[in-house]
Amino acid sequence: MNVKVHYRITQDRAGLPQDFAGARRFVATEDQAIEDLAKSQLAADYQIPTSAVVICSIEH
């Protein structure tokens, strides 16, 4: 199942405050927590800690 996740990034990789919002599609299965999956993938892509990723909404 494809879901669209709206997110905010609150800091960059240097730890400086940032306010960036975006949306990305993820493929989710029923046994996964989509919020945790999205946070970890976004943090890895932007090279930031997972605490800097805020999930705003999830569209199914």
PDB file of N, CA and C in Angstrom:
ATOM      1  N   MET A   1       0.846  -1.170   0.000  1.00  0.00           N
ATOM      2  CA  MET A   1       0.000   0.000   0.000  1.00  0.00           C
ATOM      3  C   MET A   1       0.898   1.242   0.000  1.00  0.00           C
ATOM      4  N   ASN A   2       0.581   2.196  -0.849  1.00  0.00           N
ATOM      5  CA  ASN A   2       1.308   3.457  -0.890  1.00  0.00           C
ATOM      6  C   ASN A   2       0.641   4.467   0.025  1.00  0.00           C
ATOM      7  N   VAL A   3       1.433   5.154   0.816  1.00  0.00           N
ATOM      8  CA  VAL A   3       0.919   6.224   1.670  1.00  0.00           C
ATOM      9  C   VAL A   3       1.754   7.474   1.421  1.00  0.00           C
ATOM     10  N   LYS A   4       1.129   8.616   1.596  1.00  0.00           N
ATOM     11  CA  LYS A   4       1.811   9.896   1.433  1.00  0.00           C
ATOM     12  C   LYS A   4       2.016  10.489   2.816  1.00  0.00           C
ATOM     13  N   VAL A   5       3.260  10.789   3.135  1.00  0.00           N
ATOM     14  CA  VAL A   5       3.613  11.304   4.452  1.00  0.00           C
ATOM     15  C   VAL A   5       4.035  12.765   4.310  1.00  0.00           C
ATOM     16  N   HIS A   6       3.373  13.648   5.041  1.00  0.00           N
ATOM     17  CA  HIS A   6       3.748  15.065   5.102  1.00  0.00           C
ATOM     18  C   HIS A   6       4.633  15.235   6.335  1.00  0.00           C
ATOM     19  N   TYR A   7       5.760  15.901   6.151  1.00  0.00           N
ATOM     20  CA  TYR A   7       6.727  16.011   7.243  1.00  0.00           C
ATOM     21  C   TYR A   7       7.350  17.395   7.306  1.00  0.00           C
ATOM     22  N   ARG A   8       7.979  17.680   8.436  1.00  0.00           N
ATOM     23  CA  ARG A   8       8.756  18.909   8.638  1.00  0.00           C
ATOM     24  C   ARG A   8      10.138  18.521   9.132  1.00  0.00           C
ATOM     25  N   ILE A   9      11.145  19.260   8.690  1.00  0.00           N
ATOM     26  CA  ILE A   9      12.512  19.101   9.170  1.00  0.00           C
ATOM     27  C   ILE A   9      12.804  20.312  10.044  1.00  0.00           C
ATOM     28  N   THR A  10      13.226  20.074  11.304  1.00  0.00           N
ATOM     29  CA  THR A  10      13.409  21.180  12.239  1.00  0.00           C
ATOM     30  C   THR A  10      14.859  21.602  12.422  1.00  0.00           C
ATOM     31  N   GLN A  11      15.811  20.805  11.902  1.00  0.00           N
ATOM     32  CA  GLN A  11      17.216  21.220  11.969  1.00  0.00           C
ATOM     33  C   GLN A  11      17.977  20.573  10.830  1.00  0.00           C
ATOM     34  N   ASP A  12      19.088  21.219  10.431  1.00  0.00           N
ATOM     35  CA  ASP A  12      19.894  20.638   9.372  1.00  0.00           C
ATOM     36  C   ASP A  12      20.954  19.721   9.979  1.00  0.00           C
ATOM     37  N   ARG A  13      21.848  19.177   9.148  1.00  0.00           N
ATOM     38  CA  ARG A  13      22.817  18.218   9.677  1.00  0.00           C
ATOM     39  C   ARG A  13      23.864  18.854  10.570  1.00  0.00           C
ATOM     40  N   ALA A  14      24.010  20.167  10.534  1.00  0.00           N
ATOM     41  CA  ALA A  14      24.935  20.853  11.436  1.00  0.00           C
ATOM     42  C   ALA A  14      24.273  21.177  12.766  1.00  0.00           C
ATOM     43  N   GLY A  15      22.978  20.905  12.899  1.00  0.00           N
ATOM     44  CA  GLY A  15      22.267  21.183  14.133  1.00  0.00           C
ATOM     45  C   GLY A  15      21.641  22.560  14.190  1.00  0.00           C
ATOM     46  N   LEU A  16      21.734  23.312  13.102  1.00  0.00           N
ATOM     47  CA  LEU A  16      21.152  24.649  13.064  1.00  0.00           C
ATOM     48  C   LEU A  16      19.652  24.560  12.799  1.00  0.00           C
ATOM     49  N   PRO A  17      18.861  25.453  13.386  1.00  0.00           N
ATOM     50  CA  PRO A  17      17.410  25.408  13.173  1.00  0.00           C
ATOM     51  C   PRO A  17      17.052  25.589  11.700  1.00  0.00           C
ATOM     52  N   GLN A  18      16.060  24.859  11.277  1.00  0.00           N
ATOM     53  CA  GLN A  18      15.605  24.916   9.906  1.00  0.00           C
ATOM     54  C   GLN A  18      14.101  24.677   9.905  1.00  0.00           C
ATOM     55  N   ASP A  19      13.389  25.228   8.953  1.00  0.00           N
ATOM     56  CA  ASP A  19      11.950  24.985   8.837  1.00  0.00           C
ATOM     57  C   ASP A  19      11.658  24.611   7.397  1.00  0.00           C
ATOM     58  N   PHE A  20      11.697  23.317   7.117  1.00  0.00           N
ATOM     59  CA  PHE A  20      11.449  22.800   5.787  1.00  0.00           C
ATOM     60  C   PHE A  20      10.292  21.816   5.862  1.00  0.00           C
ATOM     61  N   ALA A  21       9.341  21.941   4.952  1.00  0.00           N
ATOM     62  CA  ALA A  21       8.202  21.021   4.912  1.00  0.00           C
ATOM     63  C   ALA A  21       8.161  20.345   3.553  1.00  0.00           C
ATOM     64  N   GLY A  22       7.734  19.101   3.557  1.00  0.00           N
ATOM     65  CA  GLY A  22       7.650  18.363   2.308  1.00  0.00           C
ATOM     66  C   GLY A  22       6.725  17.182   2.447  1.00  0.00           C
ATOM     67  N   ALA A  23       6.615  16.432   1.369  1.00  0.00           N
ATOM     68  CA  ALA A  23       5.791  15.222   1.360  1.00  0.00           C
ATOM     69  C   ALA A  23       6.510  14.182   0.523  1.00  0.00           C
ATOM     70  N   ARG A  24       6.338  12.926   0.902  1.00  0.00           N
ATOM     71  CA  ARG A  24       6.959  11.829   0.176  1.00  0.00           C
ATOM     72  C   ARG A  24       6.066  10.604   0.268  1.00  0.00           C
ATOM     73  N   ARG A  25       6.097   9.802  -0.771  1.00  0.00           N
ATOM     74  CA  ARG A  25       5.334   8.552  -0.782  1.00  0.00           C
ATOM     75  C   ARG A  25       6.217   7.411  -0.278  1.00  0.00           C
ATOM     76  N   PHE A  26       5.613   6.548   0.524  1.00  0.00           N
ATOM     77  CA  PHE A  26       6.282   5.369   1.053  1.00  0.00           C
ATOM     78  C   PHE A  26       5.422   4.147   0.775  1.00  0.00           C
ATOM     79  N   VAL A  27       6.080   3.009   0.587  1.00  0.00           N
ATOM     80  CA  VAL A  27       5.381   1.742   0.446  1.00  0.00           C
ATOM     81  C   VAL A  27       5.344   1.108   1.825  1.00  0.00           C
ATOM     82  N   ALA A  28       4.142   0.839   2.309  1.00  0.00           N
ATOM     83  CA  ALA A  28       3.987   0.311   3.668  1.00  0.00           C
ATOM     84  C   ALA A  28       3.283  -1.030   3.622  1.00  0.00           C
ATOM     85  N   THR A  29       3.693  -1.900   4.529  1.00  0.00           N
ATOM     86  CA  THR A  29       2.986  -3.159   4.710  1.00  0.00           C
ATOM     87  C   THR A  29       2.221  -3.080   6.025  1.00  0.00           C
ATOM     88  N   GLU A  30       1.336  -4.018   6.240  1.00  0.00           N
ATOM     89  CA  GLU A  30       0.473  -3.962   7.420  1.00  0.00           C
ATOM     90  C   GLU A  30       1.220  -4.153   8.731  1.00  0.00           C
ATOM     91  N   ASP A  31       2.353  -4.842   8.700  1.00  0.00           N
ATOM     92  CA  ASP A  31       3.059  -5.128   9.947  1.00  0.00           C
ATOM     93  C   ASP A  31       4.096  -4.065  10.306  1.00  0.00           C
ATOM     94  N   GLN A  32       4.185  -2.969   9.532  1.00  0.00           N
ATOM     95  CA  GLN A  32       5.144  -1.909   9.814  1.00  0.00           C
ATOM     96  C   GLN A  32       4.437  -0.683  10.390  1.00  0.00           C
ATOM     97  N   ALA A  33       5.141  -0.011  11.269  1.00  0.00           N
ATOM     98  CA  ALA A  33       4.656   1.280  11.755  1.00  0.00           C
ATOM     99  C   ALA A  33       5.164   2.334  10.770  1.00  0.00           C
ATOM    100  N   ILE A  34       4.278   2.911   9.985  1.00  0.00           N
ATOM    101  CA  ILE A  34       4.674   3.809   8.908  1.00  0.00           C
ATOM    102  C   ILE A  34       5.369   5.056   9.432  1.00  0.00           C
ATOM    103  N   GLU A  35       4.958   5.543  10.593  1.00  0.00           N
ATOM    104  CA  GLU A  35       5.585   6.751  11.135  1.00  0.00           C
ATOM    105  C   GLU A  35       7.056   6.498  11.474  1.00  0.00           C
ATOM    106  N   ASP A  36       7.356   5.368  12.093  1.00  0.00           N
ATOM    107  CA  ASP A  36       8.742   5.040  12.428  1.00  0.00           C
ATOM    108  C   ASP A  36       9.573   4.807  11.175  1.00  0.00           C
ATOM    109  N   LEU A  37       9.000   4.118  10.194  1.00  0.00           N
ATOM    110  CA  LEU A  37       9.686   3.859   8.939  1.00  0.00           C
ATOM    111  C   LEU A  37      10.007   5.168   8.224  1.00  0.00           C
ATOM    112  N   ALA A  38       9.024   6.058   8.141  1.00  0.00           N
ATOM    113  CA  ALA A  38       9.212   7.339   7.452  1.00  0.00           C
ATOM    114  C   ALA A  38      10.264   8.193   8.164  1.00  0.00           C
ATOM    115  N   LYS A  39      10.192   8.265   9.492  1.00  0.00           N
ATOM    116  CA  LYS A  39      11.166   9.069  10.240  1.00  0.00           C
ATOM    117  C   LYS A  39      12.587   8.567  10.022  1.00  0.00           C
ATOM    118  N   SER A  40      12.781   7.258  10.085  1.00  0.00           N
ATOM    119  CA  SER A  40      14.131   6.724   9.937  1.00  0.00           C
ATOM    120  C   SER A  40      14.654   6.904   8.513  1.00  0.00           C
ATOM    121  N   GLN A  41      13.800   6.707   7.494  1.00  0.00           N
ATOM    122  CA  GLN A  41      14.245   6.893   6.120  1.00  0.00           C
ATOM    123  C   GLN A  41      14.534   8.353   5.798  1.00  0.00           C
ATOM    124  N   LEU A  42      13.685   9.261   6.268  1.00  0.00           N
ATOM    125  CA  LEU A  42      13.922  10.687   6.028  1.00  0.00           C
ATOM    126  C   LEU A  42      15.188  11.160   6.746  1.00  0.00           C
ATOM    127  N   ALA A  43      15.391  10.701   7.971  1.00  0.00           N
ATOM    128  CA  ALA A  43      16.589  11.079   8.714  1.00  0.00           C
ATOM    129  C   ALA A  43      17.844  10.581   8.004  1.00  0.00           C
ATOM    130  N   ALA A  44      17.804   9.383   7.473  1.00  0.00           N
ATOM    131  CA  ALA A  44      18.957   8.852   6.749  1.00  0.00           C
ATOM    132  C   ALA A  44      19.192   9.625   5.451  1.00  0.00           C
ATOM    133  N   ASP A  45      18.131   9.968   4.733  1.00  0.00           N
ATOM    134  CA  ASP A  45      18.265  10.699   3.471  1.00  0.00           C
ATOM    135  C   ASP A  45      18.843  12.091   3.678  1.00  0.00           C
ATOM    136  N   TYR A  46      18.384  12.790   4.719  1.00  0.00           N
ATOM    137  CA  TYR A  46      18.850  14.151   4.989  1.00  0.00           C
ATOM    138  C   TYR A  46      20.075  14.183   5.915  1.00  0.00           C
ATOM    139  N   GLN A  47      20.499  13.026   6.409  1.00  0.00           N
ATOM    140  CA  GLN A  47      21.633  12.897   7.324  1.00  0.00           C
ATOM    141  C   GLN A  47      21.441  13.764   8.568  1.00  0.00           C
ATOM    142  N   ILE A  48      20.290  13.593   9.202  1.00  0.00           N
ATOM    143  CA  ILE A  48      19.946  14.331  10.417  1.00  0.00           C
ATOM    144  C   ILE A  48      19.447  13.333  11.459  1.00  0.00           C
ATOM    145  N   PRO A  49      19.396  13.710  12.727  1.00  0.00           N
ATOM    146  CA  PRO A  49      18.835  12.794  13.729  1.00  0.00           C
ATOM    147  C   PRO A  49      17.324  12.634  13.533  1.00  0.00           C
ATOM    148  N   THR A  50      16.798  11.502  13.970  1.00  0.00           N
ATOM    149  CA  THR A  50      15.356  11.257  13.809  1.00  0.00           C
ATOM    150  C   THR A  50      14.522  12.246  14.607  1.00  0.00           C
ATOM    151  N   SER A  51      15.096  12.830  15.654  1.00  0.00           N
ATOM    152  CA  SER A  51      14.353  13.815  16.444  1.00  0.00           C
ATOM    153  C   SER A  51      14.100  15.105  15.661  1.00  0.00           C
ATOM    154  N   ALA A  52      14.809  15.323  14.556  1.00  0.00           N
ATOM    155  CA  ALA A  52      14.625  16.522  13.745  1.00  0.00           C
ATOM    156  C   ALA A  52      13.523  16.353  12.708  1.00  0.00           C
ATOM    157  N   VAL A  53      12.954  15.154  12.597  1.00  0.00           N
ATOM    158  CA  VAL A  53      11.878  14.882  11.643  1.00  0.00           C
ATOM    159  C   VAL A  53      10.552  14.853  12.398  1.00  0.00           C
ATOM    160  N   VAL A  54       9.606  15.672  11.957  1.00  0.00           N
ATOM    161  CA  VAL A  54       8.277  15.717  12.561  1.00  0.00           C
ATOM    162  C   VAL A  54       7.271  15.276  11.503  1.00  0.00           C
ATOM    163  N   ILE A  55       6.531  14.216  11.788  1.00  0.00           N
ATOM    164  CA  ILE A  55       5.499  13.741  10.872  1.00  0.00           C
ATOM    165  C   ILE A  55       4.227  14.540  11.136  1.00  0.00           C
ATOM    166  N   CYS A  56       3.755  15.255  10.115  1.00  0.00           N
ATOM    167  CA  CYS A  56       2.565  16.100  10.277  1.00  0.00           C
ATOM    168  C   CYS A  56       1.282  15.325  10.001  1.00  0.00           C
ATOM    169  N   SER A  57       1.246  14.582   8.895  1.00  0.00           N
ATOM    170  CA  SER A  57       0.058  13.809   8.585  1.00  0.00           C
ATOM    171  C   SER A  57       0.423  12.671   7.644  1.00  0.00           C
ATOM    172  N   ILE A  58      -0.467  11.668   7.613  1.00  0.00           N
ATOM    173  CA  ILE A  58      -0.287  10.515   6.753  1.00  0.00           C
ATOM    174  C   ILE A  58      -1.584  10.311   5.973  1.00  0.00           C
ATOM    175  N   GLU A  59      -1.493  10.285   4.644  1.00  0.00           N
ATOM    176  CA  GLU A  59      -2.650  10.051   3.786  1.00  0.00           C
ATOM    177  C   GLU A  59      -2.582   8.625   3.259  1.00  0.00           C
ATOM    178  N   HIS A  60      -3.670   7.909   3.345  1.00  0.00           N
ATOM    179  CA  HIS A  60      -3.714   6.539   2.828  1.00  0.00           C
ATOM    180  C   HIS A  60      -4.219   6.513   1.419  1.00  0.00           C
TER     181      HIS A  60
END
